[in-house]
């Protein structure tokens, strides 16, 4: 009777390992997609802030040039 249960223990171990691998793979895919989305969003924000800072800097330079010309 014990010899017949050896195959069932192996099957339970294999199913458990496959379940853990599926959960880990799913988490990896989810985290990778989330990270990619965050990187794209941070690049967009960086471009917006850089553009805004450059515009503000150029405006300040123009004001100083006008003030010093007067």
N, C-alpha and C. Protein backbone atom coordinates (compact mmCIF):
# COMPACT_ATOMS: atom_id res chain seq x y z
N UNK A 1 0.82 -1.19 0.00
CA UNK A 1 0.00 0.00 0.00
C UNK A 1 0.87 1.26 0.00
N UNK A 2 2.00 1.25 0.65
CA UNK A 2 2.87 2.42 0.69
C UNK A 2 3.47 2.67 -0.70
N UNK A 3 3.80 1.63 -1.45
CA UNK A 3 4.38 1.81 -2.78
C UNK A 3 3.41 2.53 -3.71
N UNK A 4 2.14 2.34 -3.58
CA UNK A 4 1.15 3.00 -4.43
C UNK A 4 1.06 4.49 -4.13
N UNK A 5 1.40 4.92 -2.92
CA UNK A 5 1.30 6.33 -2.55
C UNK A 5 2.53 7.14 -2.96
N UNK A 6 3.61 6.51 -3.35
CA UNK A 6 4.81 7.24 -3.77
C UNK A 6 4.54 8.09 -5.00
N UNK A 7 3.80 7.60 -5.94
CA UNK A 7 3.47 8.36 -7.13
C UNK A 7 2.59 9.55 -6.82
N UNK A 8 1.68 9.42 -5.86
CA UNK A 8 0.79 10.53 -5.52
C UNK A 8 1.55 11.65 -4.81
N UNK A 9 2.54 11.29 -4.00
CA UNK A 9 3.36 12.32 -3.34
C UNK A 9 4.17 13.08 -4.38
N UNK A 10 4.71 12.36 -5.33
CA UNK A 10 5.47 13.00 -6.40
C UNK A 10 4.56 13.94 -7.20
N UNK A 11 3.35 13.50 -7.48
CA UNK A 11 2.41 14.33 -8.21
C UNK A 11 2.06 15.59 -7.43
N UNK A 12 1.84 15.48 -6.14
CA UNK A 12 1.54 16.66 -5.31
C UNK A 12 2.71 17.63 -5.31
N UNK A 13 3.92 17.11 -5.20
CA UNK A 13 5.11 17.96 -5.22
C UNK A 13 5.24 18.67 -6.57
N UNK A 14 5.04 17.94 -7.67
CA UNK A 14 5.13 18.56 -8.99
C UNK A 14 4.07 19.63 -9.20
N UNK A 15 2.85 19.36 -8.78
CA UNK A 15 1.78 20.34 -8.92
C UNK A 15 2.09 21.58 -8.09
N UNK A 16 2.60 21.38 -6.88
CA UNK A 16 2.95 22.51 -6.01
C UNK A 16 4.06 23.36 -6.63
N UNK A 17 5.07 22.70 -7.17
CA UNK A 17 6.18 23.43 -7.79
C UNK A 17 5.69 24.19 -9.02
N UNK A 18 4.85 23.56 -9.84
CA UNK A 18 4.31 24.25 -11.01
C UNK A 18 3.45 25.44 -10.60
N UNK A 19 2.66 25.30 -9.55
CA UNK A 19 1.84 26.40 -9.07
C UNK A 19 2.71 27.57 -8.62
N UNK A 20 3.77 27.27 -7.88
CA UNK A 20 4.68 28.33 -7.41
C UNK A 20 5.35 29.01 -8.59
N UNK A 21 5.78 28.23 -9.59
CA UNK A 21 6.42 28.81 -10.77
C UNK A 21 5.45 29.71 -11.55
N UNK A 22 4.20 29.28 -11.66
CA UNK A 22 3.21 30.10 -12.37
C UNK A 22 2.96 31.41 -11.62
N UNK A 23 2.86 31.35 -10.30
CA UNK A 23 2.65 32.57 -9.50
C UNK A 23 3.84 33.51 -9.65
N UNK A 24 5.05 32.98 -9.57
CA UNK A 24 6.24 33.81 -9.70
C UNK A 24 6.36 34.42 -11.11
N UNK A 25 6.05 33.65 -12.14
CA UNK A 25 6.11 34.16 -13.50
C UNK A 25 5.07 35.26 -13.72
N UNK A 26 3.89 35.07 -13.15
CA UNK A 26 2.84 36.09 -13.28
C UNK A 26 3.27 37.38 -12.58
N UNK A 27 3.85 37.26 -11.41
CA UNK A 27 4.33 38.45 -10.70
C UNK A 27 5.44 39.15 -11.48
N UNK A 28 6.33 38.39 -12.09
CA UNK A 28 7.40 38.97 -12.87
C UNK A 28 6.85 39.76 -14.05
N UNK A 29 5.89 39.20 -14.75
CA UNK A 29 5.28 39.89 -15.90
C UNK A 29 4.57 41.15 -15.43
N UNK A 30 3.84 41.07 -14.33
CA UNK A 30 3.12 42.24 -13.80
C UNK A 30 4.08 43.34 -13.39
N UNK A 31 5.13 42.98 -12.68
CA UNK A 31 6.09 43.98 -12.21
C UNK A 31 6.84 44.60 -13.39
N UNK A 32 7.18 43.78 -14.40
CA UNK A 32 7.88 44.31 -15.58
C UNK A 32 7.00 45.31 -16.33
N UNK A 33 5.74 44.99 -16.49
CA UNK A 33 4.82 45.90 -17.18
C UNK A 33 4.64 47.19 -16.39
N UNK A 34 4.53 47.07 -15.08
CA UNK A 34 4.36 48.25 -14.22
C UNK A 34 5.60 49.13 -14.28
N UNK A 35 6.77 48.53 -14.24
CA UNK A 35 8.02 49.29 -14.29
C UNK A 35 8.16 50.01 -15.63
N UNK A 36 7.82 49.33 -16.72
CA UNK A 36 7.89 49.95 -18.03
C UNK A 36 6.96 51.15 -18.11
N UNK A 37 5.78 51.01 -17.57
CA UNK A 37 4.81 52.10 -17.56
C UNK A 37 5.33 53.28 -16.73
N UNK A 38 5.92 52.98 -15.58
CA UNK A 38 6.46 54.04 -14.72
C UNK A 38 7.62 54.76 -15.40
N UNK A 39 8.47 54.03 -16.10
CA UNK A 39 9.60 54.66 -16.81
C UNK A 39 9.11 55.59 -17.91
N UNK A 40 8.09 55.15 -18.65
CA UNK A 40 7.54 56.00 -19.70
C UNK A 40 6.93 57.25 -19.10
N UNK A 41 6.22 57.11 -18.00
CA UNK A 41 5.59 58.27 -17.36
C UNK A 41 6.65 59.23 -16.82
N UNK A 42 7.72 58.70 -16.23
CA UNK A 42 8.75 59.58 -15.71
C UNK A 42 9.48 60.31 -16.83
N UNK A 43 9.65 59.66 -17.99
CA UNK A 43 10.28 60.34 -19.12
C UNK A 43 9.39 61.47 -19.63
N UNK A 44 8.08 61.25 -19.67
CA UNK A 44 7.15 62.30 -20.09
C UNK A 44 7.21 63.46 -19.12
N UNK A 45 7.18 63.17 -17.83
CA UNK A 45 7.24 64.23 -16.82
C UNK A 45 8.56 65.00 -16.89
N UNK A 46 9.65 64.28 -17.12
CA UNK A 46 10.94 64.94 -17.22
C UNK A 46 10.96 65.89 -18.41
N UNK A 47 10.41 65.47 -19.52
CA UNK A 47 10.35 66.35 -20.70
C UNK A 47 9.50 67.58 -20.43
N UNK A 48 8.38 67.40 -19.74
CA UNK A 48 7.51 68.54 -19.41
C UNK A 48 8.24 69.52 -18.51
N UNK A 49 8.87 69.00 -17.45
CA UNK A 49 9.57 69.89 -16.53
C UNK A 49 10.77 70.57 -17.18
N UNK A 50 11.52 69.81 -17.99
CA UNK A 50 12.68 70.41 -18.66
C UNK A 50 12.24 71.51 -19.62
N UNK A 51 11.17 71.28 -20.35
CA UNK A 51 10.66 72.28 -21.28
C UNK A 51 10.21 73.52 -20.52
N UNK A 52 9.49 73.30 -19.42
CA UNK A 52 9.02 74.42 -18.61
C UNK A 52 10.16 75.21 -18.00
N UNK A 53 11.19 74.52 -17.52
CA UNK A 53 12.34 75.20 -16.93
C UNK A 53 13.11 75.99 -17.98
N UNK A 54 13.28 75.41 -19.16
CA UNK A 54 14.00 76.12 -20.22
C UNK A 54 13.23 77.37 -20.61
N UNK A 55 11.93 77.25 -20.73
CA UNK A 55 11.11 78.40 -21.10
C UNK A 55 11.21 79.50 -20.04
N UNK A 56 11.12 79.12 -18.77
CA UNK A 56 11.23 80.08 -17.67
C UNK A 56 12.61 80.72 -17.66
N UNK A 57 13.65 79.93 -17.88
CA UNK A 57 15.01 80.45 -17.90
C UNK A 57 15.18 81.46 -19.04
N UNK A 58 14.67 81.13 -20.21
CA UNK A 58 14.76 82.05 -21.35
C UNK A 58 14.00 83.35 -21.08
N UNK A 59 12.84 83.26 -20.44
CA UNK A 59 12.08 84.46 -20.10
C UNK A 59 12.85 85.34 -19.13
N UNK A 60 13.49 84.74 -18.14
CA UNK A 60 14.26 85.52 -17.17
C UNK A 60 15.46 86.20 -17.83
N UNK A 61 16.11 85.49 -18.73
CA UNK A 61 17.25 86.08 -19.45
C UNK A 61 16.77 87.27 -20.28
N UNK A 62 15.65 87.15 -20.93
CA UNK A 62 15.10 88.25 -21.74
C UNK A 62 14.77 89.43 -20.85
N UNK A 63 14.17 89.20 -19.66
CA UNK A 63 13.85 90.29 -18.74
C UNK A 63 15.11 91.00 -18.30
N UNK A 64 16.15 90.24 -17.98
CA UNK A 64 17.39 90.86 -17.52
C UNK A 64 18.04 91.65 -18.64
N UNK A 65 17.96 91.14 -19.84
CA UNK A 65 18.53 91.86 -20.98
C UNK A 65 17.78 93.18 -21.22
N UNK A 66 16.47 93.13 -21.08
CA UNK A 66 15.68 94.35 -21.25
C UNK A 66 15.97 95.37 -20.14
N UNK A 67 16.12 94.89 -18.90
CA UNK A 67 16.40 95.77 -17.77
C UNK A 67 17.78 96.40 -17.91
N UNK A 68 18.74 95.62 -18.35
CA UNK A 68 20.10 96.16 -18.47
C UNK A 68 20.23 97.09 -19.68
N UNK A 69 19.38 96.95 -20.67
CA UNK A 69 19.41 97.83 -21.84
C UNK A 69 18.83 99.19 -21.52
N UNK A 70 17.96 99.26 -20.52
CA UNK A 70 17.34 100.54 -20.19
C UNK A 70 18.22 101.33 -19.34
